[in-house]
Structures are given as structure tokens and as C-alpha cells.
C-alpha atoms as a PDB file:
ATOM      1  CA  MET A   1       0.000   0.000   0.000  1.00  0.00           C
ATOM      2  CA  ALA A   2       2.831   2.395   0.761  1.00  0.00           C
ATOM      3  CA  ARG A   3       4.290   1.774  -2.644  1.00  0.00           C
ATOM      4  CA  GLY A   4       1.048   2.761  -4.381  1.00  0.00           C
ATOM      5  CA  TRP A   5       0.882   5.946  -2.346  1.00  0.00           C
ATOM      6  CA  GLU A   6       4.443   6.843  -3.317  1.00  0.00           C
ATOM      7  CA  SER A   7       3.785   6.336  -7.008  1.00  0.00           C
ATOM      8  CA  LYS A   8       0.692   8.545  -6.812  1.00  0.00           C
ATOM      9  CA  SER A   9       2.716  11.175  -4.995  1.00  0.00           C
ATOM     10  CA  VAL A  10       5.440  11.073  -7.640  1.00  0.00           C
ATOM     11  CA  ALA A  11       2.866  11.309 -10.421  1.00  0.00           C
ATOM     12  CA  THR A  12       1.263  14.298  -8.707  1.00  0.00           C
ATOM     13  CA  GLN A  13       4.641  15.986  -8.321  1.00  0.00           C
ATOM     14  CA  ILE A  14       5.430  15.411 -11.990  1.00  0.00           C
ATOM     15  CA  ASP A  15       2.065  16.872 -13.018  1.00  0.00           C
ATOM     16  CA  MET A  16       2.617  19.908 -10.805  1.00  0.00           C
ATOM     17  CA  ALA A  17       6.083  20.475 -12.257  1.00  0.00           C
ATOM     18  CA  GLU A  18       4.750  20.237 -15.810  1.00  0.00           C
ATOM     19  CA  ASN A  19       1.982  22.726 -15.006  1.00  0.00           C
ATOM     20  CA  ARG A  20       4.476  25.178 -13.502  1.00  0.00           C
ATOM     21  CA  SER A  21       6.756  24.961 -16.512  1.00  0.00           C
ATOM     22  CA  ALA A  22       3.809  25.450 -18.878  1.00  0.00           C
ATOM     23  CA  VAL A  23       2.738  28.554 -16.964  1.00  0.00           C
ATOM     24  CA  ALA A  24       6.299  29.897 -17.004  1.00  0.00           C
ATOM     25  CA  ARG A  25       6.516  29.427 -20.766  1.00  0.00           C
ATOM     26  CA  ALA A  26       3.188  31.195 -21.247  1.00  0.00           C
ATOM     27  CA  LYS A  27       4.370  34.183 -19.199  1.00  0.00           C
ATOM     28  CA  VAL A  28       7.515  34.646 -21.252  1.00  0.00           C
ATOM     29  CA  LEU A  29       6.703  36.847 -24.202  1.00  0.00           C
ATOM     30  CA  SER A  30       8.242  36.127 -27.528  1.00  0.00           C
ATOM     31  CA  GLU A  31      10.764  38.558 -28.945  1.00  0.00           C
ATOM     32  CA  GLU A  32       8.318  39.580 -31.665  1.00  0.00           C
ATOM     33  CA  SER A  33       5.553  40.412 -29.200  1.00  0.00           C
ATOM     34  CA  LEU A  34       8.010  42.387 -27.063  1.00  0.00           C
ATOM     35  CA  ASP A  35       9.060  44.426 -30.094  1.00  0.00           C
ATOM     36  CA  LEU A  36       5.413  45.080 -30.905  1.00  0.00           C
ATOM     37  CA  LEU A  37       4.708  46.147 -27.329  1.00  0.00           C
ATOM     38  CA  ARG A  38       7.711  48.484 -27.292  1.00  0.00           C
ATOM     39  CA  LYS A  39       6.676  50.050 -30.591  1.00  0.00           C
ATOM     40  CA  LYS A  40       3.134  50.578 -29.357  1.00  0.00           C
ATOM     41  CA  GLU A  41       4.348  52.183 -26.122  1.00  0.00           C
ATOM     42  CA  SER A  42       6.699  54.446 -28.057  1.00  0.00           C
ATOM     43  CA  LEU A  43       3.900  55.543 -30.377  1.00  0.00           C
ATOM     44  CA  LEU A  44       1.589  56.218 -27.424  1.00  0.00           C
ATOM     45  CA  MET A  45       4.240  58.357 -25.710  1.00  0.00           C
ATOM     46  CA  SER A  46       4.819  60.305 -28.929  1.00  0.00           C
ATOM     47  CA  ARG A  47       1.085  60.771 -29.328  1.00  0.00           C
ATOM     48  CA  THR A  48       0.809  62.123 -25.772  1.00  0.00           C
ATOM     49  CA  ARG A  49       3.597  64.622 -26.434  1.00  0.00           C
ATOM     50  CA  VAL A  50       2.021  65.780 -29.708  1.00  0.00           C
ATOM     51  CA  VAL A  51      -1.398  66.225 -28.080  1.00  0.00           C
ATOM     52  CA  ARG A  52       0.145  68.248 -25.247  1.00  0.00           C
ATOM     53  CA  ASP A  53       2.064  70.413 -27.736  1.00  0.00           C
ATOM     54  CA  LEU A  54      -1.050  70.846 -29.859  1.00  0.00           C
ATOM     55  CA  GLU A  55      -3.034  72.092 -26.863  1.00  0.00           C
ATOM     56  CA  SER A  56      -0.453  74.752 -26.071  1.00  0.00           C
ATOM     57  CA  ALA A  57       0.529  75.758 -29.615  1.00  0.00           C
ATOM     58  CA  GLN A  58      -0.358  79.272 -30.770  1.00  0.00           C
ATOM     59  CA  ASN A  59       1.061  79.345 -34.309  1.00  0.00           C
ATOM     60  CA  PRO A  60      -1.477  78.061 -36.873  1.00  0.00           C
ATOM     61  CA  ARG A  61       1.244  76.517 -39.055  1.00  0.00           C
ATOM     62  CA  TYR A  62       2.747  74.642 -36.127  1.00  0.00           C
ATOM     63  CA  ARG A  63      -0.740  73.471 -35.127  1.00  0.00           C
ATOM     64  CA  ALA A  64      -1.226  72.144 -38.671  1.00  0.00           C
ATOM     65  CA  VAL A  65       2.074  70.263 -38.521  1.00  0.00           C
ATOM     66  CA  LEU A  66       1.141  68.795 -35.140  1.00  0.00           C
ATOM     67  CA  SER A  67      -2.302  67.787 -36.434  1.00  0.00           C
ATOM     68  CA  LYS A  68      -0.697  65.909 -39.332  1.00  0.00           C
ATOM     69  CA  ALA A  69       1.743  64.257 -36.941  1.00  0.00           C
ATOM     70  CA  LEU A  70      -1.134  63.218 -34.696  1.00  0.00           C
ATOM     71  CA  ALA A  71      -3.018  61.739 -37.646  1.00  0.00           C
ATOM     72  CA  GLY A  72       0.087  59.810 -38.683  1.00  0.00           C
ATOM     73  CA  LEU A  73       0.611  58.440 -35.183  1.00  0.00           C
ATOM     74  CA  ASP A  74      -3.048  57.415 -34.962  1.00  0.00           C
ATOM     75  CA  ALA A  75      -2.732  55.620 -38.312  1.00  0.00           C
ATOM     76  CA  GLN A  76       0.348  53.728 -37.125  1.00  0.00           C
ATOM     77  CA  LEU A  77      -1.384  52.779 -33.871  1.00  0.00           C
ATOM     78  CA  SER A  78      -4.415  51.494 -35.740  1.00  0.00           C
ATOM     79  CA  THR A  79      -2.249  49.137 -37.809  1.00  0.00           C
ATOM     80  CA  LEU A  80      -0.793  47.488 -34.710  1.00  0.00           C
ATOM     81  CA  ALA A  81      -2.590  44.465 -33.340  1.00  0.00           C
ATOM     82  CA  PRO A  82      -4.821  45.382 -30.388  1.00  0.00           C
ATOM     83  CA  GLU A  83      -3.710  44.043 -27.017  1.00  0.00           C
END
């Protein structure tokens, strides 16, 4: 009877170890998804800066340039996969 208990315990430990390793692999992002995340964060920071500059800009030409930049950033963000 003790032997059966030990084999069940070993099987349970093996299953737990496999589950932990599967979870660890799922948490690790691939290099491609990390690059995508970094690009998206960079675009969002640039967009925030452009919006802030647009709100404080007085010159109509500069406001036009900022509006075009904002439209370009929004277009790039829309092409990225949503997360």
C-alpha cells in the first residue's frame, strides 16, 4: 500500500512540475511580441507629447504640422494588433 501511495505522490509531483513549466513558458513573451509592445508604447508616448504640444501651440502653421503628426501616429497605432 505504501508503494502505491508513493507512485501517486510522484505522479502528482510530476504533473505539478509540468503545469508550472507550462505557466512559465506562457508568461515569457516572444521577442516579436516584445518588439510590438515596445513600438506601441513608443507611439503612445509620442502621441501624448504631440497632443500636449497641440493644446499649447499658438502658431497656426505649427498646429497644422502637429495635427498631421497626430493623424500619422493614430494611423500607425491602428495598424498594430490590439492588445
